[in-house]
Protein backbone atom coordinates (compact mmCIF):
# COMPACT_ATOMS: atom_id res chain seq x y z
CA UNK A 1 116.19 -18.34 99.75
CA UNK A 2 114.36 -17.86 103.02
CA UNK A 3 116.61 -15.96 105.49
CA UNK A 4 115.93 -16.03 109.23
CA UNK A 5 117.35 -13.11 111.18
CA UNK A 6 118.27 -13.65 114.96
CA UNK A 7 118.93 -10.53 116.95
CA UNK A 8 120.45 -10.12 120.48
CA UNK A 9 118.85 -6.81 120.99
CA UNK A 10 121.03 -5.62 123.99
CA UNK A 11 124.22 -6.52 122.13
CA UNK A 12 122.87 -4.53 119.11
CA UNK A 13 121.79 -1.53 121.27
CA UNK A 14 125.19 -1.26 122.86
CA UNK A 15 126.93 -1.69 119.66
CA UNK A 16 124.82 1.06 118.12
CA UNK A 17 125.42 3.33 121.21
CA UNK A 18 129.23 2.86 121.07
CA UNK A 19 129.33 3.75 117.35
CA UNK A 20 126.66 6.58 117.26
CA UNK A 21 127.20 8.14 120.76
CA UNK A 22 124.96 7.83 123.78
CA UNK A 23 123.80 11.52 123.58
CA UNK A 24 123.09 11.64 119.89
CA UNK A 25 119.83 11.09 118.23
CA UNK A 26 118.67 9.40 115.07
CA UNK A 27 119.64 5.82 115.57
CA UNK A 28 117.54 4.14 118.26
CA UNK A 29 114.34 3.95 116.30
CA UNK A 30 115.89 1.28 114.27
CA UNK A 31 113.80 -0.71 111.62
CA UNK A 32 115.46 -4.09 112.29
CA UNK A 33 113.93 -5.76 109.20
CA UNK A 34 115.00 -2.86 106.84
CA UNK A 35 118.65 -3.28 108.20
CA UNK A 36 118.61 -7.04 107.76
CA UNK A 37 117.24 -6.74 104.15
CA UNK A 38 120.03 -4.38 103.42
CA UNK A 39 122.64 -6.87 104.75
CA UNK A 40 120.88 -10.00 103.00
CA UNK A 41 123.25 -10.36 99.91
CA UNK A 42 122.87 -14.02 98.96
CA UNK A 43 121.42 -14.54 95.44
CA UNK A 44 117.61 -14.79 95.28
CA UNK A 45 117.41 -14.31 99.11
CA UNK A 46 114.74 -12.50 101.15
CA UNK A 47 114.10 -11.87 104.90
CA UNK A 48 111.42 -14.31 105.67
CA UNK A 49 111.74 -14.20 109.56
CA UNK A 50 112.99 -11.65 112.10
CA UNK A 51 113.43 -12.99 115.83
CA UNK A 52 114.18 -10.15 118.29
CA UNK A 53 115.52 -11.44 121.64
CA UNK A 54 115.59 -8.91 124.50
CA UNK A 55 114.39 -8.37 128.05
CA UNK A 56 112.09 -5.69 129.56
CA UNK A 57 113.79 -2.67 131.44
CA UNK A 58 112.84 -2.66 135.05
CA UNK A 59 110.12 -0.01 135.45
CA UNK A 60 111.25 0.44 139.09
CA UNK A 61 114.80 1.36 138.17
CA UNK A 62 114.11 3.65 135.29
CA UNK A 63 110.31 4.45 134.51
CA UNK A 64 111.33 6.63 131.47
CA UNK A 65 113.53 3.72 129.78
CA UNK A 66 110.78 1.32 130.49
CA UNK A 67 108.30 3.54 128.82
CA UNK A 68 110.59 4.31 125.80
CA UNK A 69 111.46 0.48 125.30
CA UNK A 70 107.70 -0.36 125.51
CA UNK A 71 106.62 2.12 122.79
CA UNK A 72 109.57 0.85 120.60
CA UNK A 73 108.60 -2.74 120.94
CA UNK A 74 105.05 -1.87 120.07
CA UNK A 75 106.33 0.09 117.09
CA UNK A 76 108.51 -2.94 115.82
CA UNK A 77 105.49 -5.22 115.91
CA UNK A 78 103.16 -2.67 114.57
CA UNK A 79 105.30 -2.04 111.51
CA UNK A 80 105.98 -5.76 111.07
CA UNK A 81 109.76 -5.02 111.56
CA UNK A 82 109.95 -8.27 113.64
CA UNK A 83 108.10 -11.54 113.58
CA UNK A 84 108.90 -12.95 117.03
CA UNK A 85 109.54 -11.04 120.22
CA UNK A 86 111.29 -13.40 122.60
CA UNK A 87 111.83 -12.07 126.09
CA UNK A 88 114.33 -12.86 128.67
CA UNK A 89 114.58 -11.34 132.11
CA UNK A 90 116.75 -9.06 134.42
CA UNK A 91 118.06 -10.50 137.55
CA UNK A 92 119.53 -8.47 140.50
CA UNK A 93 121.51 -9.42 143.49
CA UNK A 94 123.75 -7.69 146.15
CA UNK A 95 127.53 -8.24 145.81
CA UNK A 96 130.57 -7.13 147.85
CA UNK A 97 133.23 -5.72 145.61
CA UNK A 98 136.59 -3.88 146.34
CA UNK A 99 136.49 0.02 145.61
CA UNK A 100 138.95 0.91 142.91
CA UNK A 101 139.98 3.91 140.85
CA UNK A 102 140.65 3.62 137.09
CA UNK A 103 144.36 4.11 136.35
CA UNK A 104 145.62 5.72 133.24
CA UNK A 105 146.15 2.53 131.50
CA UNK A 106 142.53 1.67 132.11
CA UNK A 107 143.22 -0.93 134.83
CA UNK A 108 141.49 -0.94 138.19
CA UNK A 109 143.59 0.27 140.93
CA UNK A 110 142.46 -0.84 144.48
CA UNK A 111 141.83 1.92 146.97
CA UNK A 112 143.75 1.05 150.11
CA UNK A 113 142.51 2.76 153.44
CA UNK A 114 144.73 4.87 155.37
CA UNK A 115 144.76 5.99 159.10
CA UNK A 116 142.65 4.49 161.78
CA UNK A 117 139.18 4.80 160.37
CA UNK A 118 136.51 2.91 162.13
CA UNK A 119 134.61 0.72 159.71
CA UNK A 120 131.87 -1.73 160.36
CA UNK A 121 130.75 -4.74 158.31
CA UNK A 122 127.19 -3.38 158.68
CA UNK A 123 128.05 -0.26 156.68
CA UNK A 124 127.68 -0.17 152.87
CA UNK A 125 131.39 0.46 152.64
CA UNK A 126 133.74 -1.23 155.23
CA UNK A 127 137.35 -2.28 155.64
CA UNK A 128 138.45 -5.79 155.42
CA UNK A 129 141.79 -7.58 155.10
CA UNK A 130 142.41 -9.11 151.68
CA UNK A 131 144.17 -12.03 153.15
CA UNK A 132 147.72 -11.01 152.25
CA UNK A 133 148.34 -8.43 154.81
CA UNK A 134 146.75 -5.40 153.32
CA UNK A 135 143.28 -3.89 154.01
CA UNK A 136 140.84 -3.03 151.24
CA UNK A 137 137.54 -1.07 151.21
CA UNK A 138 134.60 -3.21 150.20
CA UNK A 139 131.20 -1.93 148.97
CA UNK A 140 127.87 -3.70 148.66
CA UNK A 141 126.53 -2.90 145.36
CA UNK A 142 123.46 -3.97 143.37
CA UNK A 143 124.36 -6.19 140.40
CA UNK A 144 122.02 -6.41 137.53
CA UNK A 145 122.24 -8.72 134.45
CA UNK A 146 120.11 -9.34 131.43
CA UNK A 147 119.62 -13.13 131.17
CA UNK A 148 118.36 -15.39 128.30
CA UNK A 149 118.85 -13.36 125.15
CA UNK A 150 121.98 -15.39 123.98
CA UNK A 151 120.18 -18.74 124.75
CA UNK A 152 116.99 -17.50 123.02
CA UNK A 153 118.81 -16.51 119.92
CA UNK A 154 120.71 -19.96 119.72
CA UNK A 155 117.32 -21.83 120.38
CA UNK A 156 115.37 -20.11 117.72
CA UNK A 157 118.43 -20.07 115.27
CA UNK A 158 118.92 -24.01 115.55
CA UNK A 159 115.23 -24.79 115.79
CA UNK A 160 114.50 -22.89 112.61
CA UNK A 161 117.38 -24.53 110.83
CA UNK A 162 116.53 -28.15 111.88
CA UNK A 163 112.81 -27.65 111.19
CA UNK A 164 113.83 -26.37 107.74
CA UNK A 165 111.84 -23.11 108.09
CA UNK A 166 114.80 -21.06 106.87
CA UNK A 167 117.50 -21.69 104.14
CA UNK A 168 119.94 -19.17 105.55
CA UNK A 169 120.58 -17.17 108.64
CA UNK A 170 121.78 -13.77 109.87
CA UNK A 171 122.83 -13.56 113.55
CA UNK A 172 123.32 -10.03 114.93
CA UNK A 173 125.47 -10.35 117.96
CA UNK A 174 129.18 -10.18 119.10
CA UNK A 175 128.61 -12.33 122.00
CA UNK A 176 131.25 -15.19 122.08
CA UNK A 177 128.75 -17.48 124.06
CA UNK A 178 127.15 -17.98 120.62
CA UNK A 179 130.22 -19.59 119.14
CA UNK A 180 128.94 -23.29 119.42
CA UNK A 181 125.44 -22.61 117.92
CA UNK A 182 126.87 -20.72 115.25
CA UNK A 183 129.44 -23.46 114.42
CA UNK A 184 126.59 -25.87 114.29
CA UNK A 185 124.40 -23.66 112.18
CA UNK A 186 127.32 -23.27 109.67
CA UNK A 187 127.32 -27.05 109.07
CA UNK A 188 123.66 -26.65 107.79
CA UNK A 189 123.01 -23.43 106.06
CA UNK A 190 124.95 -20.37 104.99
CA UNK A 191 125.16 -17.89 107.96
CA UNK A 192 125.94 -14.19 108.13
CA UNK A 193 127.46 -13.14 111.41
CA UNK A 194 126.88 -9.38 112.09
CA UNK A 195 129.08 -7.55 114.63
CA UNK A 196 126.85 -4.46 115.62
CA UNK A 197 129.60 -2.48 117.42
CA UNK A 198 132.99 -1.06 117.02
CA UNK A 199 134.87 -3.71 118.91
CA UNK A 200 136.61 -6.41 116.92
CA UNK A 201 134.61 -9.38 116.10
CA UNK A 202 134.77 -11.98 119.03
CA UNK A 203 137.39 -14.60 117.92
CA UNK A 204 135.09 -17.51 118.98
CA UNK A 205 132.58 -16.41 116.32
CA UNK A 206 135.05 -16.74 113.39
CA UNK A 207 134.82 -19.62 111.06
CA UNK A 208 135.66 -20.58 107.43
CA UNK A 209 133.48 -19.41 104.47
CA UNK A 210 133.54 -22.95 103.07
CA UNK A 211 132.31 -24.69 106.25
CA UNK A 212 129.33 -26.93 105.52
CA UNK A 213 127.44 -25.74 102.56
CA UNK A 214 129.70 -22.61 102.34
CA UNK A 215 128.51 -19.04 101.45
CA UNK A 216 129.05 -17.62 105.02
CA UNK A 217 130.03 -14.03 105.72
CA UNK A 218 131.00 -11.75 108.54
CA UNK A 219 130.23 -8.04 108.68
CA UNK A 220 131.04 -5.19 111.06
CA UNK A 221 128.43 -2.38 111.10
CA UNK A 222 128.94 1.31 111.22
CA UNK A 223 126.77 4.42 111.68
CA UNK A 224 125.91 4.31 107.99
CA UNK A 225 124.02 1.11 108.61
CA UNK A 226 121.96 2.61 111.31
CA UNK A 227 120.76 6.11 110.41
CA UNK A 228 119.12 5.22 107.05
CA UNK A 229 117.14 2.38 108.50
CA UNK A 230 114.75 4.00 110.93
CA UNK A 231 111.05 3.30 111.49
CA UNK A 232 108.53 5.94 110.15
CA UNK A 233 107.48 8.48 112.83
CA UNK A 234 104.86 7.76 113.92
CA UNK A 235 104.35 4.07 113.25
CA UNK A 236 100.71 3.32 112.09
CA UNK A 237 99.74 6.79 113.49
CA UNK A 238 99.96 5.47 117.08
CA UNK A 239 103.65 5.06 118.11
CA UNK A 240 105.96 8.02 118.26
CA UNK A 241 109.68 8.00 118.36
CA UNK A 242 110.59 8.97 122.09
CA UNK A 243 112.31 12.44 122.66
CA UNK A 244 116.01 12.39 122.06
CA UNK A 245 115.76 9.18 120.04
């Protein structure tokens, strides 16, 4: 049974970071193929194809993160840990948002200005009526969002299934936007849905084990899945694990 593996890389990264800890080492140099092979539990199955969907970190925002990601992507390909690297993109735009503090229950509590401060709409932070008689402080912030990974995962998943290049699929993501492509995929082949983080599986990604051909499964990963499945250091004598990884 040929298994295709489809990875939403940023969903995987933040899932790993939430479990293992941002400041800890030993989990980022992940061998994606080795992890997938350990999860692949169907009888007579093997990982035939790994599709890794991500976006390049902006070198202008973080030169260090860009360099670390670059060497990791080269190591993944150099070690044959992935077969397809599909790149999305980052987009950035300015947006005005109300200033708030985090309350004890985790909710956002608006900061209400006091006194007769002089604010101007030309300033980065300014005072404006919220339309119901109160003033709020607005700040212009730079919003950044990674675009395309979920669409790329869905496209490769369904294309491979309908072109009959895989007999089963593993999808590594907890993004509820993948609900429909996963539901369609489960009507055609057995599908394993892998939640890479500590949060509960998104309800939209649930289904029935007996849908379509059956044999579907769902799994939440833990630190014990990440630490043992690391790339060699260096890979092919050329690509070294970044400091702190």
